[in-house]
C-alpha atoms as a PDB file:
ATOM      1  CA  MET A   1     -16.654  -5.860  55.909  1.00  0.00           C
ATOM      2  CA  LYS A   2     -15.129  -8.959  57.515  1.00  0.00           C
ATOM      3  CA  LEU A   3     -14.006  -9.019  61.141  1.00  0.00           C
ATOM      4  CA  HIS A   4     -10.275  -9.091  60.374  1.00  0.00           C
ATOM      5  CA  GLN A   5     -10.724  -6.117  58.034  1.00  0.00           C
ATOM      6  CA  LEU A   6     -12.563  -4.192  60.747  1.00  0.00           C
ATOM      7  CA  VAL A   7      -9.820  -4.975  63.275  1.00  0.00           C
ATOM      8  CA  ARG A   8      -7.102  -3.968  60.817  1.00  0.00           C
ATOM      9  CA  SER A   9      -8.896  -0.730  59.940  1.00  0.00           C
ATOM     10  CA  TRP A  10      -9.326   0.076  63.643  1.00  0.00           C
ATOM     11  CA  ALA A  11      -5.656  -0.608  64.444  1.00  0.00           C
ATOM     12  CA  LEU A  12      -4.398   1.342  61.426  1.00  0.00           C
ATOM     13  CA  SER A  13      -6.361   4.374  62.593  1.00  0.00           C
ATOM     14  CA  TYR A  14      -3.814   4.507  65.428  1.00  0.00           C
ATOM     15  CA  THR A  15      -0.641   3.664  63.517  1.00  0.00           C
ATOM     16  CA  GLU A  16      -1.437   6.223  60.823  1.00  0.00           C
ATOM     17  CA  ASN A  17      -1.392   8.809  63.620  1.00  0.00           C
ATOM     18  CA  ARG A  18       2.072   7.636  64.760  1.00  0.00           C
ATOM     19  CA  LYS A  19       0.741   5.657  67.727  1.00  0.00           C
ATOM     20  CA  TYR A  20       0.667   1.968  68.549  1.00  0.00           C
ATOM     21  CA  SER A  21      -2.764   0.381  68.627  1.00  0.00           C
ATOM     22  CA  PRO A  22      -4.162  -0.439  72.102  1.00  0.00           C
ATOM     23  CA  ILE A  23      -3.392  -4.121  71.463  1.00  0.00           C
ATOM     24  CA  GLY A  24       0.226  -3.287  70.598  1.00  0.00           C
ATOM     25  CA  VAL A  25       0.460  -1.036  73.655  1.00  0.00           C
ATOM     26  CA  TRP A  26      -0.773  -3.734  76.026  1.00  0.00           C
ATOM     27  CA  PHE A  27       1.502  -6.349  74.476  1.00  0.00           C
ATOM     28  CA  HIS A  28       4.420  -4.019  75.219  1.00  0.00           C
ATOM     29  CA  TRP A  29       3.539  -3.164  78.813  1.00  0.00           C
ATOM     30  CA  ILE A  30       2.417  -6.647  79.896  1.00  0.00           C
ATOM     31  CA  MET A  31       5.646  -8.112  78.538  1.00  0.00           C
ATOM     32  CA  ALA A  32       7.694  -5.313  80.115  1.00  0.00           C
ATOM     33  CA  GLY A  33       6.163  -6.053  83.514  1.00  0.00           C
ATOM     34  CA  LEU A  34       6.766  -9.791  83.144  1.00  0.00           C
ATOM     35  CA  VAL A  35      10.372  -9.258  82.058  1.00  0.00           C
ATOM     36  CA  LEU A  36      11.135  -7.068  85.076  1.00  0.00           C
ATOM     37  CA  PHE A  37       9.454  -9.587  87.381  1.00  0.00           C
ATOM     38  CA  GLN A  38      11.467 -12.417  85.826  1.00  0.00           C
ATOM     39  CA  LEU A  39      14.756 -10.588  86.267  1.00  0.00           C
ATOM     40  CA  GLY A  40      13.969  -9.902  89.917  1.00  0.00           C
ATOM     41  CA  SER A  41      12.572 -13.337  90.725  1.00  0.00           C
ATOM     42  CA  GLY A  42      15.470 -15.039  88.949  1.00  0.00           C
ATOM     43  CA  TRP A  43      17.968 -13.121  91.050  1.00  0.00           C
ATOM     44  CA  LEU A  44      16.099 -13.935  94.277  1.00  0.00           C
ATOM     45  CA  MET A  45      15.732 -17.579  93.301  1.00  0.00           C
ATOM     46  CA  SER A  46      19.483 -17.904  92.781  1.00  0.00           C
ATOM     47  CA  ARG A  47      19.913 -17.014  96.462  1.00  0.00           C
ATOM     48  CA  TYR A  48      17.408 -19.563  97.786  1.00  0.00           C
ATOM     49  CA  PRO A  49      18.769 -22.717  99.441  1.00  0.00           C
ATOM     50  CA  VAL A  50      18.111 -25.964  97.603  1.00  0.00           C
ATOM     51  CA  GLY A  51      14.707 -27.350  98.560  1.00  0.00           C
ATOM     52  CA  GLY A  52      10.990 -27.340  97.894  1.00  0.00           C
ATOM     53  CA  SER A  53      10.582 -23.552  97.979  1.00  0.00           C
ATOM     54  CA  LYS A  54      13.287 -23.085  95.380  1.00  0.00           C
ATOM     55  CA  LEU A  55      11.770 -25.739  93.111  1.00  0.00           C
ATOM     56  CA  ALA A  56       8.289 -24.183  93.414  1.00  0.00           C
ATOM     57  CA  THR A  57       9.675 -20.722  92.626  1.00  0.00           C
ATOM     58  CA  TYR A  58      11.636 -22.159  89.717  1.00  0.00           C
ATOM     59  CA  GLU A  59       8.460 -23.756  88.371  1.00  0.00           C
ATOM     60  CA  LEU A  60       6.622 -20.408  88.492  1.00  0.00           C
ATOM     61  CA  HIS A  61       9.612 -18.669  86.914  1.00  0.00           C
ATOM     62  CA  SER A  62       9.685 -21.233  84.093  1.00  0.00           C
ATOM     63  CA  GLU A  63       5.942 -20.982  83.472  1.00  0.00           C
ATOM     64  CA  LEU A  64       6.091 -17.195  83.276  1.00  0.00           C
ATOM     65  CA  GLY A  65       9.025 -17.512  80.888  1.00  0.00           C
ATOM     66  CA  LEU A  66       6.961 -19.693  78.557  1.00  0.00           C
ATOM     67  CA  SER A  67       4.137 -17.150  78.871  1.00  0.00           C
ATOM     68  CA  ILE A  68       6.560 -14.471  77.656  1.00  0.00           C
ATOM     69  CA  LEU A  69       7.501 -16.705  74.715  1.00  0.00           C
ATOM     70  CA  LEU A  70       3.820 -17.122  73.799  1.00  0.00           C
ATOM     71  CA  LEU A  71       3.205 -13.374  74.110  1.00  0.00           C
ATOM     72  CA  ALA A  72       6.272 -12.656  71.961  1.00  0.00           C
ATOM     73  CA  LEU A  73       4.943 -14.970  69.236  1.00  0.00           C
ATOM     74  CA  LEU A  74       1.507 -13.350  69.409  1.00  0.00           C
ATOM     75  CA  ARG A  75       3.041  -9.888  69.363  1.00  0.00           C
ATOM     76  CA  PHE A  76       5.206 -10.799  66.369  1.00  0.00           C
ATOM     77  CA  GLY A  77       2.116 -12.099  64.568  1.00  0.00           C
ATOM     78  CA  TRP A  78       0.262  -8.884  65.422  1.00  0.00           C
ATOM     79  CA  ARG A  79       3.159  -6.843  64.001  1.00  0.00           C
ATOM     80  CA  LEU A  80       2.931  -8.795  60.739  1.00  0.00           C
ATOM     81  CA  PHE A  81      -0.805  -8.020  60.638  1.00  0.00           C
ATOM     82  CA  ILE A  82      -0.448  -4.395  61.797  1.00  0.00           C
ATOM     83  CA  PRO A  83       2.994  -2.854  61.137  1.00  0.00           C
ATOM     84  CA  ASP A  84       4.422  -0.594  63.810  1.00  0.00           C
ATOM     85  CA  PRO A  85       3.797   3.126  63.350  1.00  0.00           C
ATOM     86  CA  VAL A  86       6.444   5.219  61.666  1.00  0.00           C
ATOM     87  CA  ASN A  87       7.634   7.800  64.185  1.00  0.00           C
ATOM     88  CA  ASP A  88      10.631   9.981  64.940  1.00  0.00           C
ATOM     89  CA  ALA A  89      12.715   6.939  65.944  1.00  0.00           C
ATOM     90  CA  ASP A  90      12.615   5.809  62.295  1.00  0.00           C
ATOM     91  CA  ALA A  91      14.499   8.854  61.010  1.00  0.00           C
ATOM     92  CA  PRO A  92      17.613   7.742  59.077  1.00  0.00           C
ATOM     93  CA  GLY A  93      20.742   7.513  61.185  1.00  0.00           C
ATOM     94  CA  TRP A  94      22.576   5.432  63.737  1.00  0.00           C
ATOM     95  CA  GLN A  95      19.853   5.794  66.382  1.00  0.00           C
ATOM     96  CA  SER A  96      17.258   4.201  64.117  1.00  0.00           C
ATOM     97  CA  THR A  97      19.669   1.382  63.246  1.00  0.00           C
ATOM     98  CA  ALA A  98      20.433   0.813  66.936  1.00  0.00           C
ATOM     99  CA  ALA A  99      16.714   0.769  67.782  1.00  0.00           C
ATOM    100  CA  HIS A 100      15.972  -1.895  65.169  1.00  0.00           C
ATOM    101  CA  ILE A 101      18.944  -4.022  66.263  1.00  0.00           C
ATOM    102  CA  THR A 102      17.824  -3.743  69.897  1.00  0.00           C
ATOM    103  CA  GLN A 103      14.311  -4.813  68.937  1.00  0.00           C
ATOM    104  CA  LYS A 104      15.621  -7.914  67.151  1.00  0.00           C
ATOM    105  CA  LEU A 105      17.846  -8.766  70.122  1.00  0.00           C
ATOM    106  CA  PHE A 106      14.852  -8.541  72.457  1.00  0.00           C
ATOM    107  CA  TYR A 107      12.911 -11.007  70.322  1.00  0.00           C
ATOM    108  CA  ALA A 108      15.905 -13.358  70.187  1.00  0.00           C
ATOM    109  CA  LEU A 109      16.170 -13.277  73.990  1.00  0.00           C
ATOM    110  CA  PHE A 110      12.405 -13.766  74.373  1.00  0.00           C
ATOM    111  CA  ALA A 111      12.989 -17.097  72.592  1.00  0.00           C
ATOM    112  CA  LEU A 112      16.379 -18.087  74.050  1.00  0.00           C
ATOM    113  CA  LEU A 113      15.534 -17.519  77.721  1.00  0.00           C
ATOM    114  CA  PRO A 114      12.229 -19.446  77.891  1.00  0.00           C
ATOM    115  CA  LEU A 115      13.549 -22.315  75.762  1.00  0.00           C
ATOM    116  CA  SER A 116      16.746 -22.682  77.787  1.00  0.00           C
ATOM    117  CA  GLY A 117      14.700 -22.456  81.003  1.00  0.00           C
ATOM    118  CA  TRP A 118      12.327 -25.126  79.700  1.00  0.00           C
ATOM    119  CA  ALA A 119      15.335 -27.325  78.907  1.00  0.00           C
ATOM    120  CA  MET A 120      16.686 -26.825  82.435  1.00  0.00           C
ATOM    121  CA  TRP A 121      13.311 -27.734  83.963  1.00  0.00           C
ATOM    122  CA  SER A 122      13.105 -30.819  81.743  1.00  0.00           C
ATOM    123  CA  ALA A 123      16.553 -31.948  82.863  1.00  0.00           C
ATOM    124  CA  ILE A 124      15.773 -31.693  86.595  1.00  0.00           C
ATOM    125  CA  GLN A 125      12.045 -32.530  86.549  1.00  0.00           C
ATOM    126  CA  PRO A 126      11.316 -34.873  83.619  1.00  0.00           C
ATOM    127  CA  VAL A 127       7.756 -35.755  84.719  1.00  0.00           C
ATOM    128  CA  GLU A 128       5.758 -32.677  85.703  1.00  0.00           C
ATOM    129  CA  PRO A 129       4.573 -30.440  82.835  1.00  0.00           C
ATOM    130  CA  LEU A 130       4.768 -26.683  82.980  1.00  0.00           C
ATOM    131  CA  ARG A 131       1.576 -24.683  82.471  1.00  0.00           C
ATOM    132  CA  ILE A 132       1.059 -21.382  80.713  1.00  0.00           C
ATOM    133  CA  ALA A 133      -1.409 -19.250  82.682  1.00  0.00           C
ATOM    134  CA  GLY A 134      -2.225 -22.392  84.653  1.00  0.00           C
ATOM    135  CA  LEU A 135      -4.125 -23.767  81.656  1.00  0.00           C
ATOM    136  CA  ILE A 136      -1.938 -24.870  78.750  1.00  0.00           C
ATOM    137  CA  ALA A 137       0.177 -27.879  79.732  1.00  0.00           C
ATOM    138  CA  ILE A 138       3.663 -27.930  78.219  1.00  0.00           C
ATOM    139  CA  PRO A 139       5.292 -31.351  78.632  1.00  0.00           C
ATOM    140  CA  PRO A 140       9.005 -31.577  79.452  1.00  0.00           C
ATOM    141  CA  MET A 141      11.514 -32.064  76.667  1.00  0.00           C
ATOM    142  CA  PRO A 142      12.302 -35.797  76.313  1.00  0.00           C
ATOM    143  CA  PHE A 143      15.541 -35.753  78.282  1.00  0.00           C
ATOM    144  CA  HIS A 144      14.358 -38.616  80.507  1.00  0.00           C
ATOM    145  CA  THR A 145      15.557 -41.012  77.799  1.00  0.00           C
ATOM    146  CA  LEU A 146      19.128 -39.809  78.283  1.00  0.00           C
ATOM    147  CA  SER A 147      21.575 -41.159  80.812  1.00  0.00           C
ATOM    148  CA  PRO A 148      21.985 -39.167  84.058  1.00  0.00           C
ATOM    149  CA  ALA A 149      25.378 -37.964  82.842  1.00  0.00           C
ATOM    150  CA  TRP A 150      23.857 -36.562  79.648  1.00  0.00           C
ATOM    151  CA  GLN A 151      20.942 -35.035  81.557  1.00  0.00           C
ATOM    152  CA  PHE A 152      23.465 -33.177  83.696  1.00  0.00           C
ATOM    153  CA  GLN A 153      25.318 -32.079  80.555  1.00  0.00           C
ATOM    154  CA  VAL A 154      22.095 -30.742  79.029  1.00  0.00           C
ATOM    155  CA  LEU A 155      21.364 -28.894  82.272  1.00  0.00           C
ATOM    156  CA  ASP A 156      24.850 -27.370  82.228  1.00  0.00           C
ATOM    157  CA  TRP A 157      24.583 -26.237  78.591  1.00  0.00           C
ATOM    158  CA  ALA A 158      21.078 -24.832  79.055  1.00  0.00           C
ATOM    159  CA  GLU A 159      22.103 -23.008  82.227  1.00  0.00           C
ATOM    160  CA  SER A 160      25.084 -21.413  80.462  1.00  0.00           C
ATOM    161  CA  LEU A 161      22.843 -20.184  77.633  1.00  0.00           C
ATOM    162  CA  HIS A 162      20.305 -18.926  80.160  1.00  0.00           C
ATOM    163  CA  VAL A 163      22.908 -16.959  82.102  1.00  0.00           C
ATOM    164  CA  LEU A 164      24.207 -15.354  78.899  1.00  0.00           C
ATOM    165  CA  GLY A 165      20.633 -14.460  77.952  1.00  0.00           C
ATOM    166  CA  VAL A 166      19.968 -12.926  81.368  1.00  0.00           C
ATOM    167  CA  ILE A 167      23.124 -10.818  81.101  1.00  0.00           C
ATOM    168  CA  GLY A 168      22.059  -9.665  77.646  1.00  0.00           C
ATOM    169  CA  LEU A 169      18.565  -8.797  78.857  1.00  0.00           C
ATOM    170  CA  ALA A 170      19.907  -6.992  81.924  1.00  0.00           C
ATOM    171  CA  LEU A 171      21.993  -4.828  79.579  1.00  0.00           C
ATOM    172  CA  LEU A 172      19.275  -4.234  76.985  1.00  0.00           C
ATOM    173  CA  VAL A 173      16.545  -3.152  79.415  1.00  0.00           C
ATOM    174  CA  PRO A 174      18.348  -0.067  80.815  1.00  0.00           C
ATOM    175  CA  LEU A 175      19.616   0.726  77.306  1.00  0.00           C
ATOM    176  CA  HIS A 176      16.040   0.620  75.994  1.00  0.00           C
ATOM    177  CA  VAL A 177      14.700   2.704  78.894  1.00  0.00           C
ATOM    178  CA  GLY A 178      17.547   5.197  78.562  1.00  0.00           C
ATOM    179  CA  ALA A 179      16.883   5.615  74.836  1.00  0.00           C
ATOM    180  CA  ALA A 180      13.176   6.172  75.531  1.00  0.00           C
ATOM    181  CA  LEU A 181      13.969   8.832  78.140  1.00  0.00           C
ATOM    182  CA  LYS A 182      16.355  10.531  75.710  1.00  0.00           C
ATOM    183  CA  HIS A 183      13.643  10.639  73.041  1.00  0.00           C
ATOM    184  CA  HIS A 184      11.129  12.071  75.490  1.00  0.00           C
ATOM    185  CA  PHE A 185      13.152  14.594  77.487  1.00  0.00           C
ATOM    186  CA  TRP A 186      16.047  15.520  75.191  1.00  0.00           C
ATOM    187  CA  ASP A 187      14.800  15.045  71.624  1.00  0.00           C
ATOM    188  CA  ARG A 188      11.234  15.912  72.694  1.00  0.00           C
ATOM    189  CA  ASP A 189       9.702  13.738  69.982  1.00  0.00           C
ATOM    190  CA  ASP A 190       6.684  11.439  69.795  1.00  0.00           C
ATOM    191  CA  VAL A 191       8.303   8.041  70.404  1.00  0.00           C
ATOM    192  CA  VAL A 192       7.326   7.505  74.050  1.00  0.00           C
ATOM    193  CA  ARG A 193       3.869   9.020  73.674  1.00  0.00           C
ATOM    194  CA  GLY A 194       3.182   6.553  70.873  1.00  0.00           C
ATOM    195  CA  ILE A 195       3.547   3.535  73.186  1.00  0.00           C
ATOM    196  CA  LEU A 196       1.748   4.916  76.247  1.00  0.00           C
ATOM    197  CA  PRO A 197      -1.847   3.845  76.979  1.00  0.00           C
ATOM    198  CA  GLU A 198      -4.198   6.350  75.435  1.00  0.00           C
ATOM    199  CA  ILE A 199      -5.772   8.932  77.728  1.00  0.00           C
ATOM    200  CA  ARG A 200      -8.682  10.783  76.222  1.00  0.00           C
ATOM    201  CA  ASP A 201      -8.408  14.549  76.464  1.00  0.00           C
ATOM    202  CA  ASP A 202     -11.188  16.385  78.246  1.00  0.00           C
ATOM    203  CA  GLU A 203     -12.797  18.409  75.478  1.00  0.00           C
ATOM    204  CA  THR A 204     -14.015  20.965  78.028  1.00  0.00           C
ATOM    205  CA  ALA A 205     -10.524  21.582  79.379  1.00  0.00           C
ATOM    206  CA  PRO A 206      -8.450  24.504  78.113  1.00  0.00           C
ATOM    207  CA  ASP A 207      -5.942  23.834  75.369  1.00  0.00           C
ATOM    208  CA  HIS A 208      -2.603  22.477  76.514  1.00  0.00           C
ATOM    209  CA  LYS A 209       0.734  23.653  75.283  1.00  0.00           C
ATOM    210  CA  GLN A 210       1.823  21.684  72.236  1.00  0.00           C
ATOM    211  CA  TYR A 211       4.768  19.322  72.604  1.00  0.00           C
ATOM    212  CA  THR A 212       7.443  20.692  70.270  1.00  0.00           C
ATOM    213  CA  PRO A 213      10.751  19.141  69.239  1.00  0.00           C
ATOM    214  CA  ARG A 214      13.911  20.439  70.851  1.00  0.00           C
ATOM    215  CA  ALA A 215      15.766  22.857  68.643  1.00  0.00           C
ATOM    216  CA  GLY A 216      19.035  21.594  67.269  1.00  0.00           C
END
């Protein structure tokens, strides 16, 4: 059996049991941590006075944003290779529709925010490349060929898109977390458990009470 077939078989052994594969789980939680850090660092950065510290923080913020874009592309590719598990969130109804719309909006923002941030960096710093994980150099967009007036216009447009994206993300994150908490504590289904890192049960431990759906 070829390597990709072995990997697919291994990952499907999880999704067939209504869980995300470990790779899917780590994609989710690494990106979640980066998104929360970006929201916090972006807010702090907006309060910094203009100067070297702000530019250095902005550079880090931009590089992490491009890292999120790369992770989103890899995660999307992984989802094409290994479809997400079918769980209680996929039951027909408005909640399932809302979950799928939210997922698509997240992916759209994972593209819009890094690209608009990259455009902003390119407009104010047209020489220095950004680096993903300190290794992959990403050159600025070619805005240095534009007149200063047009560079400022590009910066203004990109900043407006970025602010709209941040507002959208700041609304989606608590909505997503709230829906997950509802599934776990109110509906008492398997949605949250499917995305948590796997913890092996101690076979010598006594049986635990089964997690049963909430009546009604």
